[in-house]
Amino acid sequence: IFMDLTPCELAAAITRKALDAIESLSIKPLKHDLVDILSRAKRTSEEIRELANSIENIVNEIQDTSDLENAIEKITKELKELPCPVCRIFGNKELASHVRIMNAYPKDEAKPELQFRTRVALDRFRKASRSGALFDYEFVPPGYKWNFEMRIYNLNILEPNEDQASKLLKHVLDYVSNLGLEIGGMKSVGHGLIKFEELKAKVYHIKDFKVELMKEVNLFERH
């Protein structure tokens, strides 16, 4: 079964195989793997088919290991800015996500008080209440504070410079800090708005198989 590939997924799959080929100085596995990737790509849009054909021509020109690095450089130019910043942050079918959102727990030890509300479901066609569609739902009332932890891998939100993915993720965090983000159910009736009250970043580096804390920065604090 062939799955459709987006341009970002095509770029991620080809880049991974190309890097493996350079490390192992191996041509045959690269060509074999790319046959499968490119055949999947050609089953999608015209834009991706053209991109796949260009990359296939580059790969077919490889004669020996001395051509590998030159071929990879040409492929990189074809892929240009792919994967896009969104895929580089959150991943896709071919690329792992660079962020992990951990479970959020109440900041105070006491459990949040759950409240219940009764509503009537609406008929979207009649634009009126639906007969016999009374229902209850539970929610956490406003004012509770929760701990939030996001783990970010290989993206520098403190000094994004020209990296578009790092810039975008920094803007997302700024947006949630200032304007908030609605999560969960019943957003259309005003539930689920969250904002950061305080946001700190800890930067870790892995060196000699050890995780070292490099610095801790206060990104945002609501006064």
C-alpha atoms as a PDB file:
ATOM      1  CA  ILE A   1       0.000   0.000   0.000  1.00  0.00           C
ATOM      2  CA  PHE A   2       1.507   3.322  -1.068  1.00  0.00           C
ATOM      3  CA  MET A   3       0.781   6.348   1.057  1.00  0.00           C
ATOM      4  CA  ASP A   4       0.691   9.785  -0.515  1.00  0.00           C
ATOM      5  CA  LEU A   5       3.659  11.973   0.307  1.00  0.00           C
ATOM      6  CA  THR A   6       3.570  15.705   0.846  1.00  0.00           C
ATOM      7  CA  PRO A   7       6.598  17.741  -0.314  1.00  0.00           C
ATOM      8  CA  CYS A   8       7.794  17.967   3.303  1.00  0.00           C
ATOM      9  CA  GLU A   9       7.542  14.197   3.803  1.00  0.00           C
ATOM     10  CA  LEU A  10       9.344  13.579   0.522  1.00  0.00           C
ATOM     11  CA  ALA A  11      12.152  15.910   1.603  1.00  0.00           C
ATOM     12  CA  ALA A  12      12.487  14.260   5.017  1.00  0.00           C
ATOM     13  CA  ALA A  13      12.537  10.728   3.598  1.00  0.00           C
ATOM     14  CA  ILE A  14      15.095  11.525   0.898  1.00  0.00           C
ATOM     15  CA  THR A  15      17.341  13.518   3.245  1.00  0.00           C
ATOM     16  CA  ARG A  16      17.429  10.655   5.742  1.00  0.00           C
ATOM     17  CA  LYS A  17      18.371   8.112   3.083  1.00  0.00           C
ATOM     18  CA  ALA A  18      20.922  10.443   1.515  1.00  0.00           C
ATOM     19  CA  LEU A  19      22.703  11.065   4.827  1.00  0.00           C
ATOM     20  CA  ASP A  20      22.811   7.320   5.479  1.00  0.00           C
ATOM     21  CA  ALA A  21      24.369   6.831   2.040  1.00  0.00           C
ATOM     22  CA  ILE A  22      27.082   9.421   2.697  1.00  0.00           C
ATOM     23  CA  GLU A  23      27.968   7.896   6.075  1.00  0.00           C
ATOM     24  CA  SER A  24      28.245   4.382   4.648  1.00  0.00           C
ATOM     25  CA  LEU A  25      29.553   5.448   1.203  1.00  0.00           C
ATOM     26  CA  SER A  26      26.981   3.110  -0.271  1.00  0.00           C
ATOM     27  CA  ILE A  27      25.262   3.675  -3.629  1.00  0.00           C
ATOM     28  CA  LYS A  28      23.082   0.606  -4.128  1.00  0.00           C
ATOM     29  CA  PRO A  29      21.045   0.930  -0.888  1.00  0.00           C
ATOM     30  CA  LEU A  30      20.461   4.612  -1.664  1.00  0.00           C
ATOM     31  CA  LYS A  31      19.136   3.858  -5.150  1.00  0.00           C
ATOM     32  CA  HIS A  32      17.050   0.953  -3.864  1.00  0.00           C
ATOM     33  CA  ASP A  33      15.448   2.988  -1.075  1.00  0.00           C
ATOM     34  CA  LEU A  34      14.809   5.990  -3.310  1.00  0.00           C
ATOM     35  CA  VAL A  35      12.973   3.827  -5.858  1.00  0.00           C
ATOM     36  CA  ASP A  36      10.312   3.144  -3.216  1.00  0.00           C
ATOM     37  CA  ILE A  37      10.194   6.742  -1.970  1.00  0.00           C
ATOM     38  CA  LEU A  38      10.007   8.267  -5.449  1.00  0.00           C
ATOM     39  CA  SER A  39       7.397   5.787  -6.655  1.00  0.00           C
ATOM     40  CA  ARG A  40       5.198   6.836  -3.743  1.00  0.00           C
ATOM     41  CA  ALA A  41       5.829  10.491  -4.519  1.00  0.00           C
ATOM     42  CA  LYS A  42       4.803  10.091  -8.165  1.00  0.00           C
ATOM     43  CA  ARG A  43       1.340   8.969  -7.099  1.00  0.00           C
ATOM     44  CA  THR A  44       0.561  12.412  -5.687  1.00  0.00           C
ATOM     45  CA  SER A  45       0.300  15.944  -7.087  1.00  0.00           C
ATOM     46  CA  GLU A  46       1.981  17.268 -10.220  1.00  0.00           C
ATOM     47  CA  GLU A  47       4.275  19.475  -8.121  1.00  0.00           C
ATOM     48  CA  ILE A  48       5.624  16.494  -6.184  1.00  0.00           C
ATOM     49  CA  ARG A  49       5.927  14.357  -9.337  1.00  0.00           C
ATOM     50  CA  GLU A  50       8.122  17.016 -10.942  1.00  0.00           C
ATOM     51  CA  LEU A  51      10.260  17.218  -7.808  1.00  0.00           C
ATOM     52  CA  ALA A  52      10.529  13.419  -7.663  1.00  0.00           C
ATOM     53  CA  ASN A  53      11.559  13.217 -11.336  1.00  0.00           C
ATOM     54  CA  SER A  54      14.304  15.825 -10.820  1.00  0.00           C
ATOM     55  CA  ILE A  55      15.713  13.949  -7.836  1.00  0.00           C
ATOM     56  CA  GLU A  56      15.489  10.625  -9.665  1.00  0.00           C
ATOM     57  CA  ASN A  57      17.571  12.045 -12.542  1.00  0.00           C
ATOM     58  CA  ILE A  58      20.217  13.214 -10.076  1.00  0.00           C
ATOM     59  CA  VAL A  59      20.385   9.781  -8.442  1.00  0.00           C
ATOM     60  CA  ASN A  60      20.639   8.015 -11.809  1.00  0.00           C
ATOM     61  CA  GLU A  61      23.776  10.055 -12.575  1.00  0.00           C
ATOM     62  CA  ILE A  62      25.616   8.551  -9.582  1.00  0.00           C
ATOM     63  CA  GLN A  63      28.292   6.157 -10.855  1.00  0.00           C
ATOM     64  CA  ASP A  64      30.513   5.606  -7.816  1.00  0.00           C
ATOM     65  CA  THR A  65      31.013   6.808  -4.254  1.00  0.00           C
ATOM     66  CA  SER A  66      32.922   9.899  -5.399  1.00  0.00           C
ATOM     67  CA  ASP A  67      29.648  11.218  -6.885  1.00  0.00           C
ATOM     68  CA  LEU A  68      27.684  10.909  -3.642  1.00  0.00           C
ATOM     69  CA  GLU A  69      28.449  14.267  -2.032  1.00  0.00           C
ATOM     70  CA  ASN A  70      27.887  16.164  -5.285  1.00  0.00           C
ATOM     71  CA  ALA A  71      24.560  14.383  -5.748  1.00  0.00           C
ATOM     72  CA  ILE A  72      23.458  15.192  -2.209  1.00  0.00           C
ATOM     73  CA  GLU A  73      24.301  18.862  -2.794  1.00  0.00           C
ATOM     74  CA  LYS A  74      22.135  18.877  -5.934  1.00  0.00           C
ATOM     75  CA  ILE A  75      19.273  17.135  -4.111  1.00  0.00           C
ATOM     76  CA  THR A  76      19.479  19.687  -1.295  1.00  0.00           C
ATOM     77  CA  LYS A  77      19.105  22.516  -3.816  1.00  0.00           C
ATOM     78  CA  GLU A  78      16.055  20.797  -5.317  1.00  0.00           C
ATOM     79  CA  LEU A  79      14.427  20.462  -1.904  1.00  0.00           C
ATOM     80  CA  LYS A  80      15.223  24.123  -1.085  1.00  0.00           C
ATOM     81  CA  GLU A  81      13.347  25.156   2.082  1.00  0.00           C
ATOM     82  CA  LEU A  82      11.756  21.759   2.703  1.00  0.00           C
ATOM     83  CA  PRO A  83      10.626  20.508   5.155  1.00  0.00           C
ATOM     84  CA  CYS A  84       8.569  23.577   6.014  1.00  0.00           C
ATOM     85  CA  PRO A  85       8.872  25.209   9.482  1.00  0.00           C
ATOM     86  CA  VAL A  86       5.615  23.614  10.704  1.00  0.00           C
ATOM     87  CA  CYS A  87       6.780  20.089   9.811  1.00  0.00           C
ATOM     88  CA  ARG A  88      10.206  20.766  11.302  1.00  0.00           C
ATOM     89  CA  ILE A  89       8.520  21.647  14.595  1.00  0.00           C
ATOM     90  CA  PHE A  90       5.628  19.189  14.814  1.00  0.00           C
ATOM     91  CA  GLY A  91       6.778  16.477  12.407  1.00  0.00           C
ATOM     92  CA  ASN A  92       4.915  14.483   9.766  1.00  0.00           C
ATOM     93  CA  LYS A  93       4.690  10.869   8.570  1.00  0.00           C
ATOM     94  CA  GLU A  94       8.393  10.838   7.687  1.00  0.00           C
ATOM     95  CA  LEU A  95       9.844  13.263  10.248  1.00  0.00           C
ATOM     96  CA  ALA A  96       9.714  13.030  14.034  1.00  0.00           C
ATOM     97  CA  SER A  97       8.326  15.947  16.013  1.00  0.00           C
ATOM     98  CA  HIS A  98      10.857  18.269  17.642  1.00  0.00           C
ATOM     99  CA  VAL A  99       8.520  19.117  20.523  1.00  0.00           C
ATOM    100  CA  ARG A 100       6.831  17.043  23.202  1.00  0.00           C
ATOM    101  CA  ILE A 101       4.004  18.405  25.339  1.00  0.00           C
ATOM    102  CA  MET A 102       4.026  16.686  28.709  1.00  0.00           C
ATOM    103  CA  ASN A 103       0.996  16.108  30.947  1.00  0.00           C
ATOM    104  CA  ALA A 104      -0.251  19.205  32.778  1.00  0.00           C
ATOM    105  CA  TYR A 105      -0.952  18.856  36.495  1.00  0.00           C
ATOM    106  CA  PRO A 106      -2.590  21.319  38.919  1.00  0.00           C
ATOM    107  CA  LYS A 107      -0.061  23.680  40.470  1.00  0.00           C
ATOM    108  CA  ASP A 108      -1.582  23.314  43.927  1.00  0.00           C
ATOM    109  CA  GLU A 109      -1.751  19.914  45.552  1.00  0.00           C
ATOM    110  CA  ALA A 110      -5.534  20.150  45.932  1.00  0.00           C
ATOM    111  CA  LYS A 111      -7.507  18.681  43.057  1.00  0.00           C
ATOM    112  CA  PRO A 112      -9.442  21.221  40.957  1.00  0.00           C
ATOM    113  CA  GLU A 113     -13.143  21.441  41.710  1.00  0.00           C
ATOM    114  CA  LEU A 114     -15.247  19.978  38.916  1.00  0.00           C
ATOM    115  CA  GLN A 115     -18.481  21.762  38.079  1.00  0.00           C
ATOM    116  CA  PHE A 116     -21.410  20.650  35.945  1.00  0.00           C
ATOM    117  CA  ARG A 117     -23.561  22.550  33.517  1.00  0.00           C
ATOM    118  CA  THR A 118     -26.715  21.586  31.637  1.00  0.00           C
ATOM    119  CA  ARG A 119     -27.164  22.562  28.010  1.00  0.00           C
ATOM    120  CA  VAL A 120     -29.466  21.882  25.095  1.00  0.00           C
ATOM    121  CA  ALA A 121     -27.974  20.633  21.832  1.00  0.00           C
ATOM    122  CA  LEU A 122     -28.688  22.732  18.753  1.00  0.00           C
ATOM    123  CA  ASP A 123     -29.944  21.504  15.404  1.00  0.00           C
ATOM    124  CA  ARG A 124     -27.546  23.073  12.901  1.00  0.00           C
ATOM    125  CA  PHE A 125     -30.042  22.766  10.041  1.00  0.00           C
ATOM    126  CA  ARG A 126     -33.067  24.208  11.838  1.00  0.00           C
ATOM    127  CA  LYS A 127     -30.900  26.640  13.848  1.00  0.00           C
ATOM    128  CA  ALA A 128     -32.967  25.853  16.912  1.00  0.00           C
ATOM    129  CA  SER A 129     -32.802  23.582  19.947  1.00  0.00           C
ATOM    130  CA  ARG A 130     -32.994  19.864  19.236  1.00  0.00           C
ATOM    131  CA  SER A 131     -35.856  18.004  20.871  1.00  0.00           C
ATOM    132  CA  GLY A 132     -34.805  15.527  23.562  1.00  0.00           C
ATOM    133  CA  ALA A 133     -31.151  16.567  23.396  1.00  0.00           C
ATOM    134  CA  LEU A 134     -30.598  17.844  26.925  1.00  0.00           C
ATOM    135  CA  PHE A 135     -27.122  16.992  28.203  1.00  0.00           C
ATOM    136  CA  ASP A 136     -24.756  17.689  31.095  1.00  0.00           C
ATOM    137  CA  TYR A 137     -21.027  18.271  30.895  1.00  0.00           C
ATOM    138  CA  GLU A 138     -18.311  18.802  33.474  1.00  0.00           C
ATOM    139  CA  PHE A 139     -15.650  21.489  33.444  1.00  0.00           C
ATOM    140  CA  VAL A 140     -12.946  23.058  35.577  1.00  0.00           C
ATOM    141  CA  PRO A 141     -13.922  26.635  36.528  1.00  0.00           C
ATOM    142  CA  PRO A 142     -11.586  29.524  35.639  1.00  0.00           C
ATOM    143  CA  GLY A 143      -8.744  30.579  37.902  1.00  0.00           C
ATOM    144  CA  TYR A 144      -6.909  27.306  38.431  1.00  0.00           C
ATOM    145  CA  LYS A 145      -3.201  27.214  37.701  1.00  0.00           C
ATOM    146  CA  TRP A 146      -1.477  24.311  35.987  1.00  0.00           C
ATOM    147  CA  ASN A 147       2.121  23.308  35.473  1.00  0.00           C
ATOM    148  CA  PHE A 148       3.212  23.193  31.834  1.00  0.00           C
ATOM    149  CA  GLU A 149       6.234  21.428  30.373  1.00  0.00           C
ATOM    150  CA  MET A 150       7.325  21.369  26.743  1.00  0.00           C
ATOM    151  CA  ARG A 151      10.486  19.595  25.638  1.00  0.00           C
ATOM    152  CA  ILE A 152      12.075  21.092  22.528  1.00  0.00           C
ATOM    153  CA  TYR A 153      14.761  19.250  20.584  1.00  0.00           C
ATOM    154  CA  ASN A 154      17.324  20.900  18.273  1.00  0.00           C
ATOM    155  CA  LEU A 155      15.443  24.186  17.978  1.00  0.00           C
ATOM    156  CA  ASN A 156      16.864  27.350  19.540  1.00  0.00           C
ATOM    157  CA  ILE A 157      14.015  29.632  20.603  1.00  0.00           C
ATOM    158  CA  LEU A 158      16.377  31.830  22.641  1.00  0.00           C
ATOM    159  CA  GLU A 159      18.503  32.786  19.629  1.00  0.00           C
ATOM    160  CA  PRO A 160      16.466  31.780  16.560  1.00  0.00           C
ATOM    161  CA  ASN A 161      18.535  33.928  14.148  1.00  0.00           C
ATOM    162  CA  GLU A 162      17.554  32.924  10.585  1.00  0.00           C
ATOM    163  CA  ASP A 163      16.061  29.531  11.458  1.00  0.00           C
ATOM    164  CA  GLN A 164      12.400  29.796  10.463  1.00  0.00           C
ATOM    165  CA  ALA A 165      11.242  26.855  12.590  1.00  0.00           C
ATOM    166  CA  SER A 166      12.813  28.301  15.758  1.00  0.00           C
ATOM    167  CA  LYS A 167      11.319  31.716  14.990  1.00  0.00           C
ATOM    168  CA  LEU A 168       7.858  30.243  14.444  1.00  0.00           C
ATOM    169  CA  LEU A 169       7.921  28.257  17.691  1.00  0.00           C
ATOM    170  CA  LYS A 170       9.052  31.364  19.591  1.00  0.00           C
ATOM    171  CA  HIS A 171       6.133  33.322  18.069  1.00  0.00           C
ATOM    172  CA  VAL A 172       3.716  30.543  19.094  1.00  0.00           C
ATOM    173  CA  LEU A 173       4.898  30.729  22.710  1.00  0.00           C
ATOM    174  CA  ASP A 174       4.664  34.535  22.644  1.00  0.00           C
ATOM    175  CA  TYR A 175       1.119  34.272  21.267  1.00  0.00           C
ATOM    176  CA  VAL A 176      -0.018  31.891  24.024  1.00  0.00           C
ATOM    177  CA  SER A 177       1.654  34.102  26.639  1.00  0.00           C
ATOM    178  CA  ASN A 178      -0.134  37.273  25.514  1.00  0.00           C
ATOM    179  CA  LEU A 179      -3.383  36.220  23.818  1.00  0.00           C
ATOM    180  CA  GLY A 180      -3.884  32.689  25.078  1.00  0.00           C
ATOM    181  CA  LEU A 181      -4.923  29.445  23.401  1.00  0.00           C
ATOM    182  CA  GLU A 182      -8.219  27.538  23.593  1.00  0.00           C
ATOM    183  CA  ILE A 183      -7.897  23.802  24.208  1.00  0.00           C
ATOM    184  CA  GLY A 184     -10.280  20.942  24.914  1.00  0.00           C
ATOM    185  CA  GLY A 185     -14.006  20.750  24.256  1.00  0.00           C
ATOM    186  CA  MET A 186     -16.777  23.373  24.356  1.00  0.00           C
ATOM    187  CA  LYS A 187     -14.465  26.116  23.078  1.00  0.00           C
ATOM    188  CA  SER A 188     -17.369  27.703  21.187  1.00  0.00           C
ATOM    189  CA  VAL A 189     -19.084  28.542  24.497  1.00  0.00           C
ATOM    190  CA  GLY A 190     -15.981  30.059  26.073  1.00  0.00           C
ATOM    191  CA  HIS A 191     -14.222  27.141  27.768  1.00  0.00           C
ATOM    192  CA  GLY A 192     -10.594  26.121  27.563  1.00  0.00           C
ATOM    193  CA  LEU A 193      -8.720  29.437  27.358  1.00  0.00           C
ATOM    194  CA  ILE A 194      -5.212  29.157  28.806  1.00  0.00           C
ATOM    195  CA  LYS A 195      -2.380  31.680  29.124  1.00  0.00           C
ATOM    196  CA  PHE A 196       1.150  31.423  30.434  1.00  0.00           C
ATOM    197  CA  GLU A 197       1.632  33.224  33.724  1.00  0.00           C
ATOM    198  CA  GLU A 198       5.334  32.485  33.798  1.00  0.00           C
ATOM    199  CA  LEU A 199       7.526  30.811  31.204  1.00  0.00           C
ATOM    200  CA  LYS A 200      11.081  29.654  31.850  1.00  0.00           C
ATOM    201  CA  ALA A 201      13.471  27.869  29.523  1.00  0.00           C
ATOM    202  CA  LYS A 202      16.249  25.500  30.514  1.00  0.00           C
ATOM    203  CA  VAL A 203      18.881  24.728  27.896  1.00  0.00           C
ATOM    204  CA  TYR A 204      20.553  21.322  28.040  1.00  0.00           C
ATOM    205  CA  HIS A 205      23.461  20.013  25.963  1.00  0.00           C
ATOM    206  CA  ILE A 206      24.594  16.419  25.655  1.00  0.00           C
ATOM    207  CA  LYS A 207      28.357  16.095  25.970  1.00  0.00           C
ATOM    208  CA  ASP A 208      30.366  12.905  26.516  1.00  0.00           C
ATOM    209  CA  PHE A 209      27.097  11.002  26.971  1.00  0.00           C
ATOM    210  CA  LYS A 210      26.096  13.304  29.831  1.00  0.00           C
ATOM    211  CA  VAL A 211      23.260  15.832  29.957  1.00  0.00           C
ATOM    212  CA  GLU A 212      24.490  19.241  31.117  1.00  0.00           C
ATOM    213  CA  LEU A 213      22.344  22.221  32.103  1.00  0.00           C
ATOM    214  CA  MET A 214      23.830  25.173  30.201  1.00  0.00           C
ATOM    215  CA  LYS A 215      21.542  28.029  31.248  1.00  0.00           C
ATOM    216  CA  GLU A 216      18.104  28.955  32.559  1.00  0.00           C
ATOM    217  CA  VAL A 217      16.212  31.935  31.149  1.00  0.00           C
ATOM    218  CA  ASN A 218      12.949  33.616  32.163  1.00  0.00           C
ATOM    219  CA  LEU A 219      11.047  34.073  28.885  1.00  0.00           C
ATOM    220  CA  PHE A 220       7.830  35.582  30.207  1.00  0.00           C
ATOM    221  CA  GLU A 221       6.288  36.641  33.503  1.00  0.00           C
ATOM    222  CA  ARG A 222       2.844  38.160  33.925  1.00  0.00           C
ATOM    223  CA  HIS A 223       2.716  41.087  36.376  1.00  0.00           C
END
